[in-house]
Amino acid sequence: MEAKFLAEMIGTMIILIFGSGVVANVVLKKTGGNNGGTFMITLGWAVGVLLAIYATGPISGAHLNPAVTIALAVIGQFPWSEVPIYIAAQFIGAFLGAVIVYLAYLKQWEVTEDPGSKLGVFSTAPQIRSYGANVLTEIIGTFTLVFVGLAIGITKSATTTGLNPLLWGFLIWGLGVSLGGPTGYAINPARDLGPRIAHFVLPIPGKGKSDWAYSWVPVVGPIIGGILGAFLYKIIYLG
């Protein structure tokens, strides 16, 4: 179990190093990728997920997302006894990944004036704040993630062979460019809440508030969407 815990922690950390890292590169001042745009950001997240699955799939199955872990448990494809261990690892990994990005861009925080840009490196935010609509967007995105992802394959054998990790990367990239606009496509409670906590505790110059009023949306929406996606997968593929 220790190996699975470490795999989920390291895998989620890898996702955040690439994902939050590319956001930092785009939105912070005095970086080589400043103003690189949405295309660059979505590609960075996709590559992070792809490589994290390759790195950890053989050990833990590379859930790397509490919504995926819970969804698999709900449809009987993953033991509930391991759910708390996986989720704890995922949140810790996301937190650590965010801290690493903070350190990598240590001098850029001071020269970036906008607190919203700094928060955006760590967590998602809606373009139009409407909690009902924002939750719905996250439900739709995570529903698509889990249903299509399960169809691709998320077992240990699937993640260690063939094109499965690459297809997951394309799935994340596609979701980013198609559904990422309204809320920043968290589609992963750990990816948002873990780094949001890092933003709250780290000594970032002029960082502003961590927007806790919105923090529940990227947690509740993905969990609901993941469960719905898993149930549809069960109905179609498992009977």
Protein backbone atom coordinates (compact mmCIF):
# COMPACT_ATOMS: atom_id res chain seq x y z
CA MET A 1 0.00 0.00 0.00
CA GLU A 2 2.94 2.33 0.66
CA ALA A 3 3.99 2.04 -2.98
CA LYS A 4 0.48 2.95 -4.19
CA PHE A 5 0.39 5.93 -1.83
CA LEU A 6 3.73 7.20 -3.11
CA ALA A 7 2.73 6.61 -6.73
CA GLU A 8 -0.50 8.61 -6.37
CA MET A 9 1.32 11.36 -4.50
CA ILE A 10 4.17 11.61 -6.99
CA GLY A 11 1.87 11.31 -10.00
CA THR A 12 -0.38 14.14 -8.82
CA MET A 13 2.70 16.18 -7.98
CA ILE A 14 3.95 15.71 -11.54
CA ILE A 15 0.63 16.92 -12.94
CA LEU A 16 0.87 20.11 -10.86
CA ILE A 17 4.51 20.72 -11.73
CA PHE A 18 3.59 20.77 -15.40
CA GLY A 19 0.11 22.28 -15.03
CA SER A 20 0.67 25.02 -12.48
CA GLY A 21 4.11 25.47 -13.99
CA VAL A 22 2.77 26.33 -17.42
CA VAL A 23 0.21 28.70 -15.92
CA ALA A 24 3.00 30.46 -14.01
CA ASN A 25 5.04 30.68 -17.20
CA VAL A 26 2.14 32.31 -19.03
CA VAL A 27 0.65 34.69 -16.44
CA LEU A 28 3.61 35.83 -14.33
CA LYS A 29 5.81 38.72 -15.41
CA LYS A 30 9.40 38.33 -16.59
CA THR A 31 9.02 34.73 -17.81
CA GLY A 32 9.94 33.25 -21.15
CA GLY A 33 6.37 32.18 -21.81
CA ASN A 34 4.54 35.31 -20.67
CA ASN A 35 1.25 35.79 -22.56
CA GLY A 36 1.60 32.38 -24.19
CA GLY A 37 -2.17 31.92 -24.10
CA THR A 38 -4.72 29.18 -23.59
CA PHE A 39 -3.19 26.80 -26.14
CA MET A 40 0.07 26.70 -24.23
CA ILE A 41 -1.68 26.24 -20.88
CA THR A 42 -3.91 23.38 -22.02
CA LEU A 43 -0.96 21.63 -23.66
CA GLY A 44 1.06 21.86 -20.44
CA TRP A 45 -1.71 20.25 -18.39
CA ALA A 46 -2.16 17.52 -20.99
CA VAL A 47 1.54 16.66 -21.02
CA GLY A 48 1.57 16.61 -17.23
CA VAL A 49 -1.27 14.08 -17.07
CA LEU A 50 0.22 11.97 -19.85
CA LEU A 51 3.63 11.70 -18.19
CA ALA A 52 2.16 11.18 -14.72
CA ILE A 53 0.16 8.20 -16.00
CA TYR A 54 3.23 6.71 -17.66
CA ALA A 55 5.24 7.20 -14.47
CA THR A 56 2.76 5.81 -11.94
CA GLY A 57 0.25 3.65 -13.81
CA PRO A 58 2.14 0.40 -13.26
CA ILE A 59 2.04 0.90 -9.49
CA SER A 60 -1.29 2.48 -8.56
CA GLY A 61 -3.33 2.55 -11.74
CA ALA A 62 -2.75 6.33 -11.93
CA HIS A 63 -6.05 7.67 -10.65
CA LEU A 64 -4.38 10.96 -9.68
CA ASN A 65 -7.81 12.50 -9.07
CA PRO A 66 -10.22 11.99 -6.14
CA ALA A 67 -13.17 12.20 -8.54
CA VAL A 68 -11.79 9.22 -10.47
CA THR A 69 -11.06 7.23 -7.31
CA ILE A 70 -14.51 7.83 -5.87
CA ALA A 71 -16.24 7.10 -9.18
CA LEU A 72 -14.45 3.77 -9.54
CA ALA A 73 -15.36 2.81 -5.98
CA VAL A 74 -19.03 3.72 -6.51
CA ILE A 75 -19.33 1.31 -9.45
CA GLY A 76 -17.44 -1.46 -7.67
CA GLN A 77 -14.22 -1.21 -9.67
CA PHE A 78 -12.05 -0.10 -6.74
CA PRO A 79 -12.09 -1.08 -3.04
CA TRP A 80 -13.54 1.54 -0.69
CA SER A 81 -10.91 0.62 1.88
CA GLU A 82 -8.23 2.16 -0.33
CA VAL A 83 -10.15 5.33 -1.21
CA PRO A 84 -8.97 7.44 1.79
CA ILE A 85 -5.34 6.46 1.15
CA TYR A 86 -5.52 7.39 -2.53
CA ILE A 87 -7.28 10.69 -1.87
CA ALA A 88 -4.83 11.69 0.86
CA ALA A 89 -1.92 10.95 -1.47
CA GLN A 90 -3.51 12.97 -4.27
CA PHE A 91 -4.08 16.05 -2.12
CA ILE A 92 -0.58 15.90 -0.66
CA GLY A 93 0.93 15.48 -4.12
CA ALA A 94 -1.02 18.43 -5.50
CA PHE A 95 0.10 20.59 -2.58
CA LEU A 96 3.74 19.60 -3.06
CA GLY A 97 3.59 20.19 -6.81
CA ALA A 98 2.28 23.71 -6.20
CA VAL A 99 5.06 24.40 -3.70
CA ILE A 100 7.65 23.26 -6.25
CA VAL A 101 6.21 25.64 -8.86
CA TYR A 102 6.31 28.46 -6.29
CA LEU A 103 10.02 27.78 -5.75
CA ALA A 104 10.75 27.48 -9.47
CA TYR A 105 9.29 30.95 -10.08
CA LEU A 106 10.55 32.46 -6.84
CA LYS A 107 11.63 35.84 -8.28
CA GLN A 108 8.62 36.28 -10.58
CA TRP A 109 6.11 36.72 -7.76
CA GLU A 110 7.57 40.03 -6.71
CA VAL A 111 7.41 41.61 -10.19
CA THR A 112 3.85 40.44 -10.89
CA GLU A 113 1.38 43.00 -9.53
CA ASP A 114 -1.96 41.28 -10.13
CA PRO A 115 -3.06 39.08 -7.19
CA GLY A 116 -5.55 37.28 -9.45
CA SER A 117 -2.77 36.11 -11.74
CA LYS A 118 -0.86 34.75 -8.78
CA LEU A 119 -3.89 32.87 -7.49
CA GLY A 120 -4.53 31.54 -11.00
CA VAL A 121 -1.21 29.69 -10.88
CA PHE A 122 -2.57 27.63 -8.00
CA SER A 123 -6.32 27.31 -8.45
CA THR A 124 -9.19 27.81 -10.86
CA ALA A 125 -11.68 30.67 -11.01
CA PRO A 126 -14.82 31.32 -13.05
CA GLN A 127 -14.96 33.92 -15.79
CA ILE A 128 -18.53 34.65 -14.70
CA ARG A 129 -19.24 33.84 -11.06
CA SER A 130 -22.51 31.93 -10.90
CA TYR A 131 -22.19 28.98 -8.57
CA GLY A 132 -24.94 26.91 -10.17
CA ALA A 133 -23.55 27.39 -13.67
CA ASN A 134 -19.98 26.90 -12.47
CA VAL A 135 -20.83 23.61 -10.76
CA LEU A 136 -22.66 22.46 -13.89
CA THR A 137 -19.61 23.19 -16.03
CA GLU A 138 -17.40 21.15 -13.70
CA ILE A 139 -19.95 18.32 -13.67
CA ILE A 140 -20.02 18.20 -17.48
CA GLY A 141 -16.24 18.32 -17.76
CA THR A 142 -15.60 15.59 -15.20
CA PHE A 143 -18.45 13.45 -16.51
CA THR A 144 -16.75 13.51 -19.91
CA LEU A 145 -13.33 12.89 -18.36
CA VAL A 146 -14.42 9.81 -16.43
CA PHE A 147 -16.69 8.25 -19.04
CA VAL A 148 -14.24 8.65 -21.91
CA GLY A 149 -11.29 7.86 -19.66
CA LEU A 150 -12.83 4.60 -18.50
CA ALA A 151 -13.59 3.70 -22.09
CA ILE A 152 -9.92 4.30 -22.91
CA GLY A 153 -8.84 2.21 -19.93
CA ILE A 154 -7.69 2.93 -16.41
CA THR A 155 -6.52 -0.45 -15.13
CA LYS A 156 -2.89 -1.19 -14.36
CA SER A 157 -2.52 -3.22 -17.56
CA ALA A 158 -4.07 -0.42 -19.61
CA THR A 159 -1.80 2.26 -18.21
CA THR A 160 1.40 0.32 -18.70
CA THR A 161 0.98 -0.62 -22.33
CA GLY A 162 -0.04 0.91 -25.63
CA LEU A 163 -1.36 4.38 -26.27
CA ASN A 164 -3.60 4.72 -23.22
CA PRO A 165 -1.57 7.44 -21.45
CA LEU A 166 -1.25 9.37 -24.72
CA LEU A 167 -5.01 9.17 -25.24
CA TRP A 168 -5.56 10.45 -21.70
CA GLY A 169 -3.30 13.37 -22.53
CA PHE A 170 -5.36 14.15 -25.62
CA LEU A 171 -8.51 13.86 -23.52
CA ILE A 172 -7.22 16.46 -21.03
CA TRP A 173 -6.08 18.73 -23.86
CA GLY A 174 -9.42 18.43 -25.62
CA LEU A 175 -11.36 19.19 -22.45
CA GLY A 176 -9.18 22.23 -21.84
CA VAL A 177 -9.68 23.81 -25.24
CA SER A 178 -13.38 22.93 -25.46
CA LEU A 179 -14.78 23.19 -21.91
CA GLY A 180 -12.06 25.02 -20.03
CA GLY A 181 -13.28 28.53 -20.74
CA PRO A 182 -16.00 29.07 -18.12
CA THR A 183 -14.24 27.74 -14.99
CA GLY A 184 -10.68 26.75 -15.92
CA TYR A 185 -11.63 23.04 -16.00
CA ALA A 186 -10.48 21.88 -12.57
CA ILE A 187 -12.11 18.45 -13.14
CA ASN A 188 -10.05 17.27 -10.17
CA PRO A 189 -10.66 18.26 -6.53
CA ALA A 190 -7.02 17.70 -5.53
CA ARG A 191 -5.70 19.77 -8.43
CA ASP A 192 -7.58 22.81 -7.13
CA LEU A 193 -7.87 22.50 -3.35
CA GLY A 194 -4.32 21.27 -2.67
CA PRO A 195 -2.66 24.18 -4.51
CA ARG A 196 -5.23 26.63 -3.11
CA ILE A 197 -4.05 25.64 0.37
CA ALA A 198 -0.46 26.13 -0.81
CA HIS A 199 -1.37 29.63 -2.01
CA PHE A 200 -2.87 30.35 1.40
CA VAL A 201 0.19 29.27 3.42
CA LEU A 202 3.08 30.28 1.16
CA PRO A 203 4.77 33.69 1.64
CA ILE A 204 3.89 34.98 -1.85
CA PRO A 205 4.41 38.75 -2.11
CA GLY A 206 1.14 40.61 -2.74
CA LYS A 207 -0.81 37.42 -3.23
CA GLY A 208 -4.22 38.60 -2.07
CA LYS A 209 -6.96 36.28 -0.86
CA SER A 210 -7.31 32.57 -1.73
CA ASP A 211 -11.01 32.85 -2.71
CA TRP A 212 -12.34 30.24 -0.30
CA ALA A 213 -15.91 31.19 -1.24
CA TYR A 214 -15.39 29.46 -4.59
CA SER A 215 -13.24 26.58 -3.35
CA TRP A 216 -16.14 24.13 -2.95
CA VAL A 217 -17.12 24.30 -6.63
CA PRO A 218 -14.02 22.48 -8.00
CA VAL A 219 -14.54 19.81 -5.34
CA VAL A 220 -18.29 19.13 -5.49
CA GLY A 221 -18.73 19.50 -9.25
CA PRO A 222 -16.01 17.00 -10.24
CA ILE A 223 -17.15 14.41 -7.70
CA ILE A 224 -20.74 14.53 -9.00
CA GLY A 225 -19.62 14.50 -12.62
CA GLY A 226 -17.21 11.64 -12.03
CA ILE A 227 -19.88 9.47 -10.42
CA LEU A 228 -22.33 10.16 -13.27
CA GLY A 229 -19.68 9.33 -15.86
CA ALA A 230 -18.81 6.09 -14.08
CA PHE A 231 -22.46 5.03 -13.89
CA LEU A 232 -22.93 5.58 -17.62
CA TYR A 233 -19.77 3.57 -18.27
CA LYS A 234 -21.11 0.77 -16.07
CA ILE A 235 -24.46 0.72 -17.85
CA ILE A 236 -22.92 0.59 -21.32
CA TYR A 237 -19.81 -1.52 -20.78
CA LEU A 238 -20.43 -3.61 -17.69
CA GLY A 239 -24.17 -4.29 -18.03
